C-alpha atoms as a PDB file:
ATOM      1  CA  MET A   1     -41.180  96.975 -84.886  1.00  0.00           C
ATOM      2  CA  LEU A   2     -39.276  97.534 -81.653  1.00  0.00           C
ATOM      3  CA  LEU A   3     -40.794 101.001 -81.235  1.00  0.00           C
ATOM      4  CA  ILE A   4     -44.299  99.581 -81.614  1.00  0.00           C
ATOM      5  CA  LEU A   5     -43.567  96.925 -79.013  1.00  0.00           C
ATOM      6  CA  LEU A   6     -42.157  99.539 -76.609  1.00  0.00           C
ATOM      7  CA  GLY A   7     -45.250 101.673 -77.174  1.00  0.00           C
ATOM      8  CA  ILE A   8     -47.561  98.766 -76.380  1.00  0.00           C
ATOM      9  CA  VAL A   9     -45.592  97.919 -73.223  1.00  0.00           C
ATOM     10  CA  GLY A  10     -45.669 101.590 -72.139  1.00  0.00           C
ATOM     11  CA  LEU A  11     -49.411 101.827 -72.750  1.00  0.00           C
ATOM     12  CA  ALA A  12     -50.072  98.613 -70.816  1.00  0.00           C
ATOM     13  CA  TYR A  13     -47.940  99.857 -67.902  1.00  0.00           C
ATOM     14  CA  GLY A  14     -49.798 103.179 -67.841  1.00  0.00           C
ATOM     15  CA  LEU A  15     -53.187 101.458 -67.859  1.00  0.00           C
ATOM     16  CA  LEU A  16     -52.092  99.131 -65.054  1.00  0.00           C
ATOM     17  CA  LYS A  17     -50.958 102.088 -62.917  1.00  0.00           C
ATOM     18  CA  LYS A  18     -54.232 103.921 -63.562  1.00  0.00           C
ATOM     19  CA  GLN A  19     -56.210 100.821 -62.563  1.00  0.00           C
ATOM     20  CA  GLN A  20     -54.101 100.431 -59.398  1.00  0.00           C
ATOM     21  CA  LYS A  21     -54.637 104.087 -58.495  1.00  0.00           C
ATOM     22  CA  ASN A  22     -58.408 103.860 -59.007  1.00  0.00           C
ATOM     23  CA  TYR A  23     -58.596 100.665 -56.927  1.00  0.00           C
ATOM     24  CA  LEU A  24     -56.670 102.231 -54.035  1.00  0.00           C
ATOM     25  CA  LEU A  25     -58.731 105.427 -54.087  1.00  0.00           C
ATOM     26  CA  LYS A  26     -61.940 103.400 -54.034  1.00  0.00           C
ATOM     27  CA  SER A  27     -61.054 100.475 -51.744  1.00  0.00           C
ATOM     28  CA  GLY A  28     -57.861 101.409 -49.908  1.00  0.00           C
ATOM     29  CA  ILE A  29     -57.410 102.398 -46.295  1.00  0.00           C
ATOM     30  CA  LYS A  30     -57.045 106.150 -45.903  1.00  0.00           C
ATOM     31  CA  THR A  31     -54.475 107.589 -43.490  1.00  0.00           C
ATOM     32  CA  ILE A  32     -52.071 110.503 -43.134  1.00  0.00           C
ATOM     33  CA  GLY A  33     -48.386 110.190 -43.953  1.00  0.00           C
ATOM     34  CA  ILE A  34     -45.330 112.439 -43.933  1.00  0.00           C
ATOM     35  CA  VAL A  35     -43.067 112.955 -46.937  1.00  0.00           C
ATOM     36  CA  ALA A  36     -39.711 111.895 -45.504  1.00  0.00           C
ATOM     37  CA  ASP A  37     -37.635 112.182 -48.679  1.00  0.00           C
ATOM     38  CA  HIS A  38     -37.582 111.747 -52.457  1.00  0.00           C
ATOM     39  CA  GLU A  39     -35.703 109.147 -54.467  1.00  0.00           C
ATOM     40  CA  LEU A  40     -34.514 110.113 -57.908  1.00  0.00           C
ATOM     41  CA  GLY A  41     -35.056 107.638 -60.705  1.00  0.00           C
ATOM     42  CA  SER A  42     -34.929 107.750 -64.475  1.00  0.00           C
ATOM     43  CA  MET A  43     -37.371 107.068 -67.262  1.00  0.00           C
ATOM     44  CA  TYR A  44     -35.890 106.023 -70.557  1.00  0.00           C
ATOM     45  CA  GLY A  45     -37.368 106.534 -73.966  1.00  0.00           C
ATOM     46  CA  SER A  46     -36.513 108.951 -76.712  1.00  0.00           C
ATOM     47  CA  ILE A  47     -35.650 111.472 -73.974  1.00  0.00           C
ATOM     48  CA  ARG A  48     -34.090 110.641 -70.617  1.00  0.00           C
ATOM     49  CA  LYS A  49     -36.203 112.125 -67.829  1.00  0.00           C
ATOM     50  CA  SER A  50     -35.609 112.353 -64.106  1.00  0.00           C
ATOM     51  CA  ILE A  51     -38.480 111.028 -62.015  1.00  0.00           C
ATOM     52  CA  TYR A  52     -38.984 111.848 -58.334  1.00  0.00           C
ATOM     53  CA  TYR A  53     -40.525 109.150 -56.143  1.00  0.00           C
ATOM     54  CA  PRO A  54     -41.771 110.400 -52.769  1.00  0.00           C
ATOM     55  CA  VAL A  55     -40.727 108.376 -49.720  1.00  0.00           C
ATOM     56  CA  ILE A  56     -43.620 108.382 -47.254  1.00  0.00           C
ATOM     57  CA  GLU A  57     -43.756 107.467 -43.569  1.00  0.00           C
ATOM     58  CA  PHE A  58     -47.136 106.343 -42.265  1.00  0.00           C
ATOM     59  CA  GLU A  59     -48.670 104.172 -39.606  1.00  0.00           C
ATOM     60  CA  ASP A  60     -50.591 101.152 -40.881  1.00  0.00           C
ATOM     61  CA  ASN A  61     -53.803  99.749 -39.390  1.00  0.00           C
ATOM     62  CA  GLU A  62     -51.720  97.543 -37.063  1.00  0.00           C
ATOM     63  CA  GLY A  63     -49.936 100.590 -35.622  1.00  0.00           C
ATOM     64  CA  LYS A  64     -46.613  99.838 -37.324  1.00  0.00           C
ATOM     65  CA  LEU A  65     -44.607 102.745 -38.729  1.00  0.00           C
ATOM     66  CA  ARG A  66     -43.812 102.198 -42.397  1.00  0.00           C
ATOM     67  CA  ARG A  67     -41.311 104.090 -44.565  1.00  0.00           C
ATOM     68  CA  LEU A  68     -41.816 103.282 -48.226  1.00  0.00           C
ATOM     69  CA  LYS A  69     -41.027 104.666 -51.658  1.00  0.00           C
ATOM     70  CA  SER A  70     -44.099 105.301 -53.771  1.00  0.00           C
ATOM     71  CA  ASP A  71     -44.508 103.404 -57.040  1.00  0.00           C
ATOM     72  CA  PHE A  72     -45.919 106.621 -58.485  1.00  0.00           C
ATOM     73  CA  GLY A  73     -43.197 109.022 -59.648  1.00  0.00           C
ATOM     74  CA  TYR A  74     -43.405 112.567 -60.945  1.00  0.00           C
ATOM     75  CA  ASN A  75     -41.346 114.824 -63.225  1.00  0.00           C
ATOM     76  CA  PHE A  76     -40.838 117.226 -60.322  1.00  0.00           C
ATOM     77  CA  LYS A  77     -41.163 117.107 -56.542  1.00  0.00           C
ATOM     78  CA  VAL A  78     -44.942 117.288 -56.141  1.00  0.00           C
ATOM     79  CA  PHE A  79     -44.677 117.133 -52.354  1.00  0.00           C
ATOM     80  CA  LYS A  80     -42.361 119.030 -50.027  1.00  0.00           C
ATOM     81  CA  GLN A  81     -40.221 117.262 -47.451  1.00  0.00           C
ATOM     82  CA  ASN A  82     -42.068 116.918 -44.098  1.00  0.00           C
ATOM     83  CA  GLN A  83     -45.396 117.695 -45.815  1.00  0.00           C
ATOM     84  CA  GLN A  84     -48.412 115.793 -44.521  1.00  0.00           C
ATOM     85  CA  VAL A  85     -50.245 113.911 -47.280  1.00  0.00           C
ATOM     86  CA  GLU A  86     -53.268 111.664 -47.448  1.00  0.00           C
ATOM     87  CA  ILE A  87     -52.420 108.183 -48.585  1.00  0.00           C
ATOM     88  CA  TYR A  88     -54.514 105.197 -49.538  1.00  0.00           C
ATOM     89  CA  TYR A  89     -53.031 101.744 -49.125  1.00  0.00           C
ATOM     90  CA  ASP A  90     -54.150  98.186 -49.780  1.00  0.00           C
ATOM     91  CA  ASN A  91     -55.181  96.484 -46.532  1.00  0.00           C
ATOM     92  CA  THR A  92     -53.692  93.184 -47.716  1.00  0.00           C
ATOM     93  CA  ASN A  93     -50.376  94.710 -48.850  1.00  0.00           C
ATOM     94  CA  PHE A  94     -49.300  97.999 -47.271  1.00  0.00           C
ATOM     95  CA  ARG A  95     -46.541  98.345 -49.915  1.00  0.00           C
ATOM     96  CA  LYS A  96     -49.240  99.174 -52.459  1.00  0.00           C
ATOM     97  CA  PHE A  97     -50.127 102.785 -51.692  1.00  0.00           C
ATOM     98  CA  ILE A  98     -50.678 106.129 -53.352  1.00  0.00           C
ATOM     99  CA  PRO A  99     -50.051 109.583 -51.899  1.00  0.00           C
ATOM    100  CA  CYS A 100     -52.604 112.268 -52.688  1.00  0.00           C
END
């Protein structure tokens, strides 16, 4: 029963992230950021996996420099440090962003 519940929670989380990504790609503000670093996190399940979350620096539409960890993590470092990346962020909440 617990495994079914964990599966449902995992599926719901994945669908929420996909919806957030699609919203940002469609409606977000596009800008260029720099990969400043990566933060290492973990994903638990039947196998413990390391997840790399890129830390991106970018200037928002008010001209403020932001340095934020992405909510989207990867099994390996998708981006190199100091790499320029396109990002899309929510104009009402700059903390919601996705690097591309």
